Each structure stands twice: as C-alpha cells, then as structure tokens.
Amino acid sequence: MLDSRLDMRQHISKTVSACFFHLRRLRQMKRILDRDMRQRLVSTFIISRIDYCNVALAGLPATSLAPLQRVLNAAARFVADIGPFDHITSTLQELHWLPINQRIVHKLCTLMHLSTYGVVPQYIRDVLTPTSALSRRADLRSAERMEYDVPFARTMMGMRGFSVAGPSAWNRLPIELRQISTYSTFRRNLKTHLFKKAYGLD
C-alpha cells in the first residue's frame, strides 16, 4: 500500500510539473490570445493531463489531490485573466469546471454507465456485479434501482480499486440519473449534478 501511495504521489507530482510548465509557456503568449483561445489551449494542454487516467486517483485524501486543484485554479486564473489573490470559486463556476474530486467521480460514473448500457473491455465487466445478479439480493430494492454490489475491501488500496470505487460512486447517484441510457445525455446531466453538489447549488 505504501508503494501504491508513493506511485500516486509521483504521478501527481509529474502531472503538476508538466501542467505548470505548459501554463508558463501559455502565459508568454497571453497578450495575443483572447479568452476563447486561452480556454481552448488550457483544455488541450492542462485539463487533458489532469483528467488522464484520473480514475486511479479515486479515494485519495484531499491533501493528495490539492496540488492538482492548485493547477486547475491557476489555469482558471489564466483563462479569466484574474490576479493570484482574486476569489477563484466564482471563476470556476463561470467556466463550469468541476473540482478535482468531482472530476474523478465523473470519470468513475461514466465508466459505470458504459458498463451498464454500452461497451467496455471484458476485464472491466468482470469486476462488476449488478445486485440483480445476486440471488440473495435479487428481490431487494437495490436491484430495482440498478445498483451494483460493492465488494468488501480490507485495505485502503482495495477501497480505491475500480471494483469498489466505481460501484460506490454509481450507487450514490440519484436513480433518475442512473436510468438515463443515452450516453451523451447521461454525461451532461451527471456533470450538472456534480457541479451543483460541488458548489452547493442544490
């Protein structure tokens, strides 16, 4: 487990370093870039790196994810052309950017949606068990609510695995969201749901 945490810290450190490198380069061109172009470049060079394989970060404490959030905040300041001491939350809301933790949950839930309604590699399906497939729980309300079994994990590393983190995130979604079978519609509504929860807009 110690090695796993170390690997995640190294991954986060490398990601943060690469993002700030590209952000410094973009700042050199700030005068010739309008806001729309700044946002597009940030999406390409910064956001894509933050979101890459972020499912592996599920379950990490906020202190571990904080460097990635600092990158996101710095990118938002660059796009909005605001100073380092200006309030950032309203800018993140204006850009409609999810905080780091919600970005991870978003990825987990989209993978779960694809597992439920779409196509995913067999190795992902193999670690997921709908409650409706469990004879001892097939009559429970959880089966009707399209929930998944959450395996018991003895270690923190086990709790962070997709077989646990994915179903846990999916089961916490409102049932009306889990029942949306169209992928694009689900993604749009999922982001709205997580956005409202992240910024206390419920």
C-alpha atoms as a PDB file:
ATOM      1  CA  MET A   1       0.000   0.000   0.000  1.00  0.00           C
ATOM      2  CA  LEU A   2       2.907   2.328   0.767  1.00  0.00           C
ATOM      3  CA  ASP A   3       4.329   1.717  -2.707  1.00  0.00           C
ATOM      4  CA  SER A   4       0.923   2.477  -4.246  1.00  0.00           C
ATOM      5  CA  ARG A   5       0.678   5.790  -2.407  1.00  0.00           C
ATOM      6  CA  LEU A   6       4.209   6.641  -3.447  1.00  0.00           C
ATOM      7  CA  ASP A   7       3.378   5.859  -7.079  1.00  0.00           C
ATOM      8  CA  MET A   8       0.314   8.111  -6.909  1.00  0.00           C
ATOM      9  CA  ARG A   9       2.324  10.930  -5.348  1.00  0.00           C
ATOM     10  CA  GLN A  10       4.905  10.596  -8.107  1.00  0.00           C
ATOM     11  CA  HIS A  11       2.189  10.550 -10.770  1.00  0.00           C
ATOM     12  CA  ILE A  12       0.553  13.660  -9.300  1.00  0.00           C
ATOM     13  CA  SER A  13       3.906  15.412  -8.953  1.00  0.00           C
ATOM     14  CA  LYS A  14       4.827  14.727 -12.588  1.00  0.00           C
ATOM     15  CA  THR A  15       1.397  15.807 -13.797  1.00  0.00           C
ATOM     16  CA  VAL A  16       1.523  19.037 -11.803  1.00  0.00           C
ATOM     17  CA  SER A  17       5.035  19.781 -13.039  1.00  0.00           C
ATOM     18  CA  ALA A  18       4.053  19.230 -16.690  1.00  0.00           C
ATOM     19  CA  CYS A  19       0.903  21.335 -16.333  1.00  0.00           C
ATOM     20  CA  PHE A  20       2.712  24.294 -14.787  1.00  0.00           C
ATOM     21  CA  PHE A  21       5.384  24.053 -17.484  1.00  0.00           C
ATOM     22  CA  HIS A  22       2.764  24.402 -20.215  1.00  0.00           C
ATOM     23  CA  LEU A  23       0.927  27.079 -18.270  1.00  0.00           C
ATOM     24  CA  ARG A  24       4.113  29.183 -18.052  1.00  0.00           C
ATOM     25  CA  ARG A  25       4.553  28.854 -21.814  1.00  0.00           C
ATOM     26  CA  LEU A  26       0.940  29.875 -22.432  1.00  0.00           C
ATOM     27  CA  ARG A  27       1.349  32.927 -20.202  1.00  0.00           C
ATOM     28  CA  GLN A  28       4.120  34.133 -22.508  1.00  0.00           C
ATOM     29  CA  MET A  29       1.543  34.358 -25.291  1.00  0.00           C
ATOM     30  CA  LYS A  30      -1.206  35.838 -23.149  1.00  0.00           C
ATOM     31  CA  ARG A  31      -1.238  39.240 -24.884  1.00  0.00           C
ATOM     32  CA  ILE A  32      -2.049  37.758 -28.278  1.00  0.00           C
ATOM     33  CA  LEU A  33      -4.685  35.286 -27.064  1.00  0.00           C
ATOM     34  CA  ASP A  34      -8.328  36.117 -26.493  1.00  0.00           C
ATOM     35  CA  ARG A  35     -10.279  34.384 -23.751  1.00  0.00           C
ATOM     36  CA  ASP A  36     -11.793  31.747 -26.010  1.00  0.00           C
ATOM     37  CA  MET A  37      -8.381  30.754 -27.336  1.00  0.00           C
ATOM     38  CA  ARG A  38      -6.888  30.690 -23.827  1.00  0.00           C
ATOM     39  CA  GLN A  39      -9.643  28.331 -22.732  1.00  0.00           C
ATOM     40  CA  ARG A  40      -9.122  26.041 -25.721  1.00  0.00           C
ATOM     41  CA  LEU A  41      -5.372  25.857 -25.140  1.00  0.00           C
ATOM     42  CA  VAL A  42      -5.836  25.182 -21.434  1.00  0.00           C
ATOM     43  CA  SER A  43      -8.252  22.390 -22.277  1.00  0.00           C
ATOM     44  CA  THR A  44      -5.699  20.846 -24.633  1.00  0.00           C
ATOM     45  CA  PHE A  45      -2.528  21.207 -22.582  1.00  0.00           C
ATOM     46  CA  ILE A  46      -3.733  21.331 -18.960  1.00  0.00           C
ATOM     47  CA  ILE A  47      -7.193  19.825 -18.463  1.00  0.00           C
ATOM     48  CA  SER A  48      -6.437  16.784 -20.619  1.00  0.00           C
ATOM     49  CA  ARG A  49      -3.425  15.974 -18.418  1.00  0.00           C
ATOM     50  CA  ILE A  50      -5.366  16.459 -15.200  1.00  0.00           C
ATOM     51  CA  ASP A  51      -8.122  14.106 -16.377  1.00  0.00           C
ATOM     52  CA  TYR A  52      -5.862  11.452 -17.904  1.00  0.00           C
ATOM     53  CA  CYS A  53      -6.287   8.155 -16.002  1.00  0.00           C
ATOM     54  CA  ASN A  54      -7.720  10.062 -13.047  1.00  0.00           C
ATOM     55  CA  VAL A  55      -9.756   7.007 -12.011  1.00  0.00           C
ATOM     56  CA  ALA A  56      -6.513   5.770 -10.438  1.00  0.00           C
ATOM     57  CA  LEU A  57      -6.749   8.698  -8.014  1.00  0.00           C
ATOM     58  CA  ALA A  58     -10.118   7.614  -6.578  1.00  0.00           C
ATOM     59  CA  GLY A  59     -10.191   7.546  -2.804  1.00  0.00           C
ATOM     60  CA  LEU A  60      -7.070   9.644  -2.264  1.00  0.00           C
ATOM     61  CA  PRO A  61      -7.344  12.235   0.527  1.00  0.00           C
ATOM     62  CA  ALA A  62      -7.898  15.891  -0.311  1.00  0.00           C
ATOM     63  CA  THR A  63      -4.327  16.699   0.729  1.00  0.00           C
ATOM     64  CA  SER A  64      -3.001  14.407  -2.005  1.00  0.00           C
ATOM     65  CA  LEU A  65      -5.295  15.926  -4.637  1.00  0.00           C
ATOM     66  CA  ALA A  66      -4.607  19.519  -3.551  1.00  0.00           C
ATOM     67  CA  PRO A  67      -1.671  20.057  -5.991  1.00  0.00           C
ATOM     68  CA  LEU A  68      -3.938  19.139  -8.918  1.00  0.00           C
ATOM     69  CA  GLN A  69      -6.580  21.551  -7.653  1.00  0.00           C
ATOM     70  CA  ARG A  70      -3.926  24.286  -7.492  1.00  0.00           C
ATOM     71  CA  VAL A  71      -3.146  23.624 -11.155  1.00  0.00           C
ATOM     72  CA  LEU A  72      -6.834  23.867 -12.036  1.00  0.00           C
ATOM     73  CA  ASN A  73      -7.129  27.133 -10.095  1.00  0.00           C
ATOM     74  CA  ALA A  74      -4.059  28.582 -11.806  1.00  0.00           C
ATOM     75  CA  ALA A  75      -5.445  27.585 -15.204  1.00  0.00           C
ATOM     76  CA  ALA A  76      -8.762  29.265 -14.384  1.00  0.00           C
ATOM     77  CA  ARG A  77      -6.937  32.454 -13.385  1.00  0.00           C
ATOM     78  CA  PHE A  78      -5.079  32.408 -16.697  1.00  0.00           C
ATOM     79  CA  VAL A  79      -8.233  31.910 -18.753  1.00  0.00           C
ATOM     80  CA  ALA A  80     -10.205  34.570 -16.859  1.00  0.00           C
ATOM     81  CA  ASP A  81      -7.208  36.935 -16.630  1.00  0.00           C
ATOM     82  CA  ILE A  82      -7.545  37.486 -12.892  1.00  0.00           C
ATOM     83  CA  GLY A  83      -4.881  38.002 -10.247  1.00  0.00           C
ATOM     84  CA  PRO A  84      -3.496  35.456  -7.764  1.00  0.00           C
ATOM     85  CA  PHE A  85      -5.468  36.959  -4.868  1.00  0.00           C
ATOM     86  CA  ASP A  86      -8.833  37.216  -6.624  1.00  0.00           C
ATOM     87  CA  HIS A  87     -11.567  34.839  -5.494  1.00  0.00           C
ATOM     88  CA  ILE A  88     -11.399  31.667  -7.608  1.00  0.00           C
ATOM     89  CA  THR A  89     -14.641  29.804  -6.846  1.00  0.00           C
ATOM     90  CA  SER A  90     -16.852  32.128  -8.869  1.00  0.00           C
ATOM     91  CA  THR A  91     -14.445  31.839 -11.804  1.00  0.00           C
ATOM     92  CA  LEU A  92     -14.501  28.042 -11.676  1.00  0.00           C
ATOM     93  CA  GLN A  93     -18.291  28.196 -11.637  1.00  0.00           C
ATOM     94  CA  GLU A  94     -18.337  30.613 -14.561  1.00  0.00           C
ATOM     95  CA  LEU A  95     -16.095  28.268 -16.559  1.00  0.00           C
ATOM     96  CA  HIS A  96     -18.294  25.362 -15.429  1.00  0.00           C
ATOM     97  CA  TRP A  97     -15.234  23.390 -14.308  1.00  0.00           C
ATOM     98  CA  LEU A  98     -15.660  20.612 -11.786  1.00  0.00           C
ATOM     99  CA  PRO A  99     -13.196  20.453  -8.875  1.00  0.00           C
ATOM    100  CA  ILE A 100     -10.660  17.617  -8.974  1.00  0.00           C
ATOM    101  CA  ASN A 101     -12.580  15.212  -6.754  1.00  0.00           C
ATOM    102  CA  GLN A 102     -15.768  15.607  -8.784  1.00  0.00           C
ATOM    103  CA  ARG A 103     -13.784  15.116 -12.000  1.00  0.00           C
ATOM    104  CA  ILE A 104     -12.692  11.735 -10.650  1.00  0.00           C
ATOM    105  CA  VAL A 105     -16.258  10.821  -9.702  1.00  0.00           C
ATOM    106  CA  HIS A 106     -17.414  11.914 -13.157  1.00  0.00           C
ATOM    107  CA  LYS A 107     -14.933   9.526 -14.819  1.00  0.00           C
ATOM    108  CA  LEU A 108     -15.897   6.662 -12.492  1.00  0.00           C
ATOM    109  CA  CYS A 109     -19.593   7.129 -13.221  1.00  0.00           C
ATOM    110  CA  THR A 110     -19.168   7.418 -16.981  1.00  0.00           C
ATOM    111  CA  LEU A 111     -17.268   4.124 -16.960  1.00  0.00           C
ATOM    112  CA  MET A 112     -20.050   2.587 -14.887  1.00  0.00           C
ATOM    113  CA  HIS A 113     -22.632   3.910 -17.356  1.00  0.00           C
ATOM    114  CA  LEU A 114     -20.737   2.361 -20.259  1.00  0.00           C
ATOM    115  CA  SER A 115     -20.588  -0.899 -18.310  1.00  0.00           C
ATOM    116  CA  THR A 116     -24.346  -0.766 -17.790  1.00  0.00           C
ATOM    117  CA  TYR A 117     -25.548   0.449 -21.181  1.00  0.00           C
ATOM    118  CA  GLY A 118     -22.612   0.466 -23.555  1.00  0.00           C
ATOM    119  CA  VAL A 119     -19.418  -1.335 -24.414  1.00  0.00           C
ATOM    120  CA  VAL A 120     -16.369  -1.682 -22.186  1.00  0.00           C
ATOM    121  CA  PRO A 121     -13.478  -4.166 -22.146  1.00  0.00           C
ATOM    122  CA  GLN A 122     -14.363  -7.518 -20.625  1.00  0.00           C
ATOM    123  CA  TYR A 123     -11.885  -7.063 -17.771  1.00  0.00           C
ATOM    124  CA  ILE A 124     -13.991  -4.139 -16.524  1.00  0.00           C
ATOM    125  CA  ARG A 125     -17.223  -6.110 -16.710  1.00  0.00           C
ATOM    126  CA  ASP A 126     -15.548  -8.970 -14.851  1.00  0.00           C
ATOM    127  CA  VAL A 127     -15.063  -6.877 -11.697  1.00  0.00           C
ATOM    128  CA  LEU A 128     -18.630  -5.522 -11.606  1.00  0.00           C
ATOM    129  CA  THR A 129     -21.673  -7.368 -10.276  1.00  0.00           C
ATOM    130  CA  PRO A 130     -25.208  -5.912 -10.557  1.00  0.00           C
ATOM    131  CA  THR A 131     -27.218  -6.581  -7.416  1.00  0.00           C
ATOM    132  CA  SER A 132     -29.892  -8.093  -9.663  1.00  0.00           C
ATOM    133  CA  ALA A 133     -27.416 -10.899 -10.454  1.00  0.00           C
ATOM    134  CA  LEU A 134     -27.081 -11.870  -6.798  1.00  0.00           C
ATOM    135  CA  SER A 135     -29.772 -14.395  -5.942  1.00  0.00           C
ATOM    136  CA  ARG A 136     -29.744 -13.495  -2.271  1.00  0.00           C
ATOM    137  CA  ARG A 137     -30.353  -9.832  -3.081  1.00  0.00           C
ATOM    138  CA  ALA A 138     -32.290 -10.022  -6.353  1.00  0.00           C
ATOM    139  CA  ASP A 139     -35.559  -9.057  -4.663  1.00  0.00           C
ATOM    140  CA  LEU A 140     -34.129  -6.098  -2.816  1.00  0.00           C
ATOM    141  CA  ARG A 141     -34.897  -2.538  -3.816  1.00  0.00           C
ATOM    142  CA  SER A 142     -31.229  -2.063  -4.767  1.00  0.00           C
ATOM    143  CA  ALA A 143     -31.735  -4.448  -7.694  1.00  0.00           C
ATOM    144  CA  GLU A 144     -34.656  -2.401  -8.973  1.00  0.00           C
ATOM    145  CA  ARG A 145     -32.609   0.761  -8.558  1.00  0.00           C
ATOM    146  CA  MET A 146     -29.928  -0.528 -10.949  1.00  0.00           C
ATOM    147  CA  GLU A 147     -27.274  -0.651  -8.258  1.00  0.00           C
ATOM    148  CA  TYR A 148     -24.065  -2.677  -8.173  1.00  0.00           C
ATOM    149  CA  ASP A 149     -22.642  -4.831  -5.449  1.00  0.00           C
ATOM    150  CA  VAL A 150     -19.834  -3.107  -3.538  1.00  0.00           C
ATOM    151  CA  PRO A 151     -17.262  -5.743  -2.536  1.00  0.00           C
ATOM    152  CA  PHE A 152     -15.808  -5.634   0.949  1.00  0.00           C
ATOM    153  CA  ALA A 153     -12.276  -4.251   0.940  1.00  0.00           C
ATOM    154  CA  ARG A 154      -9.895  -4.891   3.821  1.00  0.00           C
ATOM    155  CA  THR A 155      -7.354  -2.256   2.842  1.00  0.00           C
ATOM    156  CA  MET A 156      -7.401   1.351   1.726  1.00  0.00           C
ATOM    157  CA  MET A 157      -5.795   0.265  -1.539  1.00  0.00           C
ATOM    158  CA  GLY A 158      -8.643  -2.187  -2.079  1.00  0.00           C
ATOM    159  CA  MET A 159     -11.228   0.524  -1.429  1.00  0.00           C
ATOM    160  CA  ARG A 160      -9.599   2.666  -4.101  1.00  0.00           C
ATOM    161  CA  GLY A 161      -9.832  -0.055  -6.735  1.00  0.00           C
ATOM    162  CA  PHE A 162     -12.379   0.385  -9.521  1.00  0.00           C
ATOM    163  CA  SER A 163     -14.338  -2.703  -8.404  1.00  0.00           C
ATOM    164  CA  VAL A 164     -15.177  -0.812  -5.196  1.00  0.00           C
ATOM    165  CA  ALA A 165     -14.857   2.879  -6.115  1.00  0.00           C
ATOM    166  CA  GLY A 166     -16.905   2.540  -9.319  1.00  0.00           C
ATOM    167  CA  PRO A 167     -19.992   0.882  -7.822  1.00  0.00           C
ATOM    168  CA  SER A 168     -19.788   3.130  -4.744  1.00  0.00           C
ATOM    169  CA  ALA A 169     -19.872   6.279  -6.880  1.00  0.00           C
ATOM    170  CA  TRP A 170     -22.601   4.879  -9.157  1.00  0.00           C
ATOM    171  CA  ASN A 171     -24.848   3.789  -6.285  1.00  0.00           C
ATOM    172  CA  ARG A 172     -24.715   7.287  -4.781  1.00  0.00           C
ATOM    173  CA  LEU A 173     -26.201   8.841  -7.925  1.00  0.00           C
ATOM    174  CA  PRO A 174     -29.932   9.640  -7.975  1.00  0.00           C
ATOM    175  CA  ILE A 175     -31.907   6.773  -9.505  1.00  0.00           C
ATOM    176  CA  GLU A 176     -33.280   9.011 -12.267  1.00  0.00           C
ATOM    177  CA  LEU A 177     -29.709   9.713 -13.355  1.00  0.00           C
ATOM    178  CA  ARG A 178     -28.750   6.014 -13.390  1.00  0.00           C
ATOM    179  CA  GLN A 179     -31.785   5.288 -15.573  1.00  0.00           C
ATOM    180  CA  ILE A 180     -30.617   7.549 -18.425  1.00  0.00           C
ATOM    181  CA  SER A 181     -29.446   5.146 -21.116  1.00  0.00           C
ATOM    182  CA  THR A 182     -28.181   7.695 -23.679  1.00  0.00           C
ATOM    183  CA  TYR A 183     -24.508   8.318 -23.003  1.00  0.00           C
ATOM    184  CA  SER A 184     -24.342  11.971 -24.076  1.00  0.00           C
ATOM    185  CA  THR A 185     -27.448  12.850 -22.077  1.00  0.00           C
ATOM    186  CA  PHE A 186     -26.127  10.993 -19.048  1.00  0.00           C
ATOM    187  CA  ARG A 187     -22.761  12.804 -19.197  1.00  0.00           C
ATOM    188  CA  ARG A 188     -24.452  16.181 -19.443  1.00  0.00           C
ATOM    189  CA  ASN A 189     -26.813  15.517 -16.555  1.00  0.00           C
ATOM    190  CA  LEU A 190     -24.064  13.907 -14.482  1.00  0.00           C
ATOM    191  CA  LYS A 191     -21.881  16.986 -14.815  1.00  0.00           C
ATOM    192  CA  THR A 192     -24.784  19.227 -13.825  1.00  0.00           C
ATOM    193  CA  HIS A 193     -25.492  17.036 -10.794  1.00  0.00           C
ATOM    194  CA  LEU A 194     -21.850  17.014  -9.648  1.00  0.00           C
ATOM    195  CA  PHE A 195     -21.473  20.733 -10.372  1.00  0.00           C
ATOM    196  CA  LYS A 196     -24.399  21.599  -8.128  1.00  0.00           C
ATOM    197  CA  LYS A 197     -23.118  19.377  -5.338  1.00  0.00           C
ATOM    198  CA  ALA A 198     -19.574  20.735  -5.604  1.00  0.00           C
ATOM    199  CA  TYR A 199     -20.653  24.360  -5.339  1.00  0.00           C
ATOM    200  CA  GLY A 200     -23.623  23.936  -3.007  1.00  0.00           C
ATOM    201  CA  LEU A 201     -26.200  24.833  -5.642  1.00  0.00           C
ATOM    202  CA  ASP A 202     -28.683  22.030  -4.861  1.00  0.00           C
END
